């Protein structure tokens, strides 16, 4: 299994979203993911959003959340959608306590 399949799953790697609605794509996309694949994807998304880039010569790190936040309106919508993907994974694989923790953290960041 390739590294992209480990993070994104088979449906994403082989273009499984062609001709589907968004709801159908996300339902089919997450259907075959194991707990380890979900965890790897959530870690990848968190790293991209929080600390993917480094300011040269310093220890300051930033992610796409900061960059997208510079675009009024659109940045908030995109980061909210990405946060909802993490909530979706928590809802699919985690215990009830992690579901509510993920939902409350996302609702606090959206508002």
C-alpha atoms as a PDB file:
ATOM      1  CA  UNK A   1       0.000   0.000   0.000  1.00  0.00           C
ATOM      2  CA  UNK A   2       1.410   3.386  -0.989  1.00  0.00           C
ATOM      3  CA  UNK A   3       1.798   6.224   1.485  1.00  0.00           C
ATOM      4  CA  UNK A   4      -1.001   8.213  -0.180  1.00  0.00           C
ATOM      5  CA  UNK A   5      -3.316   5.217   0.211  1.00  0.00           C
ATOM      6  CA  UNK A   6      -2.361   4.999   3.895  1.00  0.00           C
ATOM      7  CA  UNK A   7      -3.268   8.641   4.489  1.00  0.00           C
ATOM      8  CA  UNK A   8      -6.123   9.227   2.068  1.00  0.00           C
ATOM      9  CA  UNK A   9      -7.544   5.761   1.422  1.00  0.00           C
ATOM     10  CA  UNK A  10      -8.117   3.897  -1.813  1.00  0.00           C
ATOM     11  CA  UNK A  11     -11.089   5.935  -3.029  1.00  0.00           C
ATOM     12  CA  UNK A  12      -9.064   9.143  -3.025  1.00  0.00           C
ATOM     13  CA  UNK A  13      -5.998   7.615  -4.672  1.00  0.00           C
ATOM     14  CA  UNK A  14      -7.917   6.116  -7.579  1.00  0.00           C
ATOM     15  CA  UNK A  15     -10.254   9.045  -8.226  1.00  0.00           C
ATOM     16  CA  UNK A  16     -13.279   7.552  -6.529  1.00  0.00           C
ATOM     17  CA  UNK A  17     -15.173  10.854  -6.516  1.00  0.00           C
ATOM     18  CA  UNK A  18     -15.896  11.172 -10.246  1.00  0.00           C
ATOM     19  CA  UNK A  19     -19.581  11.797 -10.934  1.00  0.00           C
ATOM     20  CA  UNK A  20     -20.709  11.674  -7.287  1.00  0.00           C
ATOM     21  CA  UNK A  21     -22.335  14.237  -5.053  1.00  0.00           C
ATOM     22  CA  UNK A  22     -20.302  15.541  -2.123  1.00  0.00           C
ATOM     23  CA  UNK A  23     -22.333  13.502   0.369  1.00  0.00           C
ATOM     24  CA  UNK A  24     -21.870  10.296  -1.652  1.00  0.00           C
ATOM     25  CA  UNK A  25     -18.143  10.935  -2.054  1.00  0.00           C
ATOM     26  CA  UNK A  26     -17.504  11.440   1.682  1.00  0.00           C
ATOM     27  CA  UNK A  27     -19.672   8.463   2.641  1.00  0.00           C
ATOM     28  CA  UNK A  28     -17.811   6.185   0.200  1.00  0.00           C
ATOM     29  CA  UNK A  29     -14.470   7.820   0.939  1.00  0.00           C
ATOM     30  CA  UNK A  30     -14.456   6.964   4.622  1.00  0.00           C
ATOM     31  CA  UNK A  31     -16.225   3.615   4.346  1.00  0.00           C
ATOM     32  CA  UNK A  32     -13.145   1.443   3.885  1.00  0.00           C
ATOM     33  CA  UNK A  33     -10.691   3.263   6.142  1.00  0.00           C
ATOM     34  CA  UNK A  34      -9.249   1.432   9.108  1.00  0.00           C
ATOM     35  CA  UNK A  35      -8.735   3.126  12.459  1.00  0.00           C
ATOM     36  CA  UNK A  36      -5.007   3.489  11.708  1.00  0.00           C
ATOM     37  CA  UNK A  37      -5.724   5.124   8.339  1.00  0.00           C
ATOM     38  CA  UNK A  38      -8.166   7.560   9.945  1.00  0.00           C
ATOM     39  CA  UNK A  39      -5.621   8.407  12.624  1.00  0.00           C
ATOM     40  CA  UNK A  40      -2.868   8.907  10.015  1.00  0.00           C
ATOM     41  CA  UNK A  41      -5.119  11.209   8.018  1.00  0.00           C
ATOM     42  CA  UNK A  42      -6.126  13.264  11.050  1.00  0.00           C
ATOM     43  CA  UNK A  43      -2.467  13.631  12.051  1.00  0.00           C
ATOM     44  CA  UNK A  44      -1.565  14.676   8.483  1.00  0.00           C
ATOM     45  CA  UNK A  45      -4.345  17.275   8.410  1.00  0.00           C
ATOM     46  CA  UNK A  46      -3.397  18.603  11.860  1.00  0.00           C
ATOM     47  CA  UNK A  47       0.248  18.933  10.824  1.00  0.00           C
ATOM     48  CA  UNK A  48      -0.696  20.747   7.594  1.00  0.00           C
ATOM     49  CA  UNK A  49      -3.041  23.119   9.401  1.00  0.00           C
ATOM     50  CA  UNK A  50      -0.857  23.856  12.440  1.00  0.00           C
ATOM     51  CA  UNK A  51       2.873  23.560  11.803  1.00  0.00           C
ATOM     52  CA  UNK A  52       3.782  22.500   8.277  1.00  0.00           C
ATOM     53  CA  UNK A  53       6.012  25.496   7.499  1.00  0.00           C
ATOM     54  CA  UNK A  54       8.935  27.050   9.349  1.00  0.00           C
ATOM     55  CA  UNK A  55      10.236  30.614   9.235  1.00  0.00           C
ATOM     56  CA  UNK A  56      13.879  30.256   8.094  1.00  0.00           C
ATOM     57  CA  UNK A  57      16.440  30.907  10.812  1.00  0.00           C
ATOM     58  CA  UNK A  58      13.917  30.610  13.650  1.00  0.00           C
ATOM     59  CA  UNK A  59      11.923  27.961  15.457  1.00  0.00           C
ATOM     60  CA  UNK A  60       8.630  29.650  14.506  1.00  0.00           C
ATOM     61  CA  UNK A  61       6.262  27.279  12.741  1.00  0.00           C
ATOM     62  CA  UNK A  62       2.908  27.953  11.067  1.00  0.00           C
ATOM     63  CA  UNK A  63       0.412  26.079   8.963  1.00  0.00           C
ATOM     64  CA  UNK A  64      -2.259  26.517   6.366  1.00  0.00           C
ATOM     65  CA  UNK A  65      -4.678  27.772   9.004  1.00  0.00           C
ATOM     66  CA  UNK A  66      -2.700  31.000   9.272  1.00  0.00           C
ATOM     67  CA  UNK A  67      -2.315  31.356   5.507  1.00  0.00           C
ATOM     68  CA  UNK A  68      -5.982  30.634   4.780  1.00  0.00           C
ATOM     69  CA  UNK A  69      -7.009  32.971   7.583  1.00  0.00           C
ATOM     70  CA  UNK A  70      -5.556  35.861   5.598  1.00  0.00           C
ATOM     71  CA  UNK A  71      -8.335  35.480   3.011  1.00  0.00           C
ATOM     72  CA  UNK A  72     -11.509  37.026   4.458  1.00  0.00           C
ATOM     73  CA  UNK A  73     -14.538  34.746   4.415  1.00  0.00           C
ATOM     74  CA  UNK A  74     -13.141  32.064   2.141  1.00  0.00           C
ATOM     75  CA  UNK A  75     -10.356  31.150   4.565  1.00  0.00           C
ATOM     76  CA  UNK A  76     -12.842  30.679   7.398  1.00  0.00           C
ATOM     77  CA  UNK A  77     -15.075  28.498   5.221  1.00  0.00           C
ATOM     78  CA  UNK A  78     -12.196  26.283   4.076  1.00  0.00           C
ATOM     79  CA  UNK A  79     -10.730  25.823   7.557  1.00  0.00           C
ATOM     80  CA  UNK A  80     -14.206  25.043   8.928  1.00  0.00           C
ATOM     81  CA  UNK A  81     -14.707  22.374   6.248  1.00  0.00           C
ATOM     82  CA  UNK A  82     -11.329  20.845   7.102  1.00  0.00           C
ATOM     83  CA  UNK A  83     -12.243  20.865  10.792  1.00  0.00           C
ATOM     84  CA  UNK A  84     -15.490  19.081   9.975  1.00  0.00           C
ATOM     85  CA  UNK A  85     -13.504  16.349   8.226  1.00  0.00           C
ATOM     86  CA  UNK A  86     -11.641  15.742  11.482  1.00  0.00           C
ATOM     87  CA  UNK A  87     -14.974  15.671  13.342  1.00  0.00           C
ATOM     88  CA  UNK A  88     -16.270  13.172  10.769  1.00  0.00           C
ATOM     89  CA  UNK A  89     -13.341  10.856  11.488  1.00  0.00           C
ATOM     90  CA  UNK A  90     -13.874  11.193  15.236  1.00  0.00           C
ATOM     91  CA  UNK A  91     -17.548  10.418  14.763  1.00  0.00           C
ATOM     92  CA  UNK A  92     -16.790   7.321  12.670  1.00  0.00           C
ATOM     93  CA  UNK A  93     -14.116   5.758  14.825  1.00  0.00           C
ATOM     94  CA  UNK A  94     -13.873   7.268  18.263  1.00  0.00           C
ATOM     95  CA  UNK A  95     -15.703   6.769  21.518  1.00  0.00           C
ATOM     96  CA  UNK A  96     -18.546   9.082  22.454  1.00  0.00           C
ATOM     97  CA  UNK A  97     -16.327  11.352  24.585  1.00  0.00           C
ATOM     98  CA  UNK A  98     -13.990  12.101  21.660  1.00  0.00           C
ATOM     99  CA  UNK A  99     -16.999  12.847  19.441  1.00  0.00           C
ATOM    100  CA  UNK A 100     -18.272  15.573  21.726  1.00  0.00           C
ATOM    101  CA  UNK A 101     -14.782  16.935  22.362  1.00  0.00           C
ATOM    102  CA  UNK A 102     -14.167  17.227  18.600  1.00  0.00           C
ATOM    103  CA  UNK A 103     -17.579  18.830  18.027  1.00  0.00           C
ATOM    104  CA  UNK A 104     -17.107  21.378  20.799  1.00  0.00           C
ATOM    105  CA  UNK A 105     -13.612  22.314  19.607  1.00  0.00           C
ATOM    106  CA  UNK A 106     -14.858  22.764  16.047  1.00  0.00           C
ATOM    107  CA  UNK A 107     -17.890  24.806  17.071  1.00  0.00           C
ATOM    108  CA  UNK A 108     -15.654  27.061  19.151  1.00  0.00           C
ATOM    109  CA  UNK A 109     -13.309  27.644  16.211  1.00  0.00           C
ATOM    110  CA  UNK A 110     -16.165  28.269  13.753  1.00  0.00           C
ATOM    111  CA  UNK A 111     -17.877  30.852  15.931  1.00  0.00           C
END
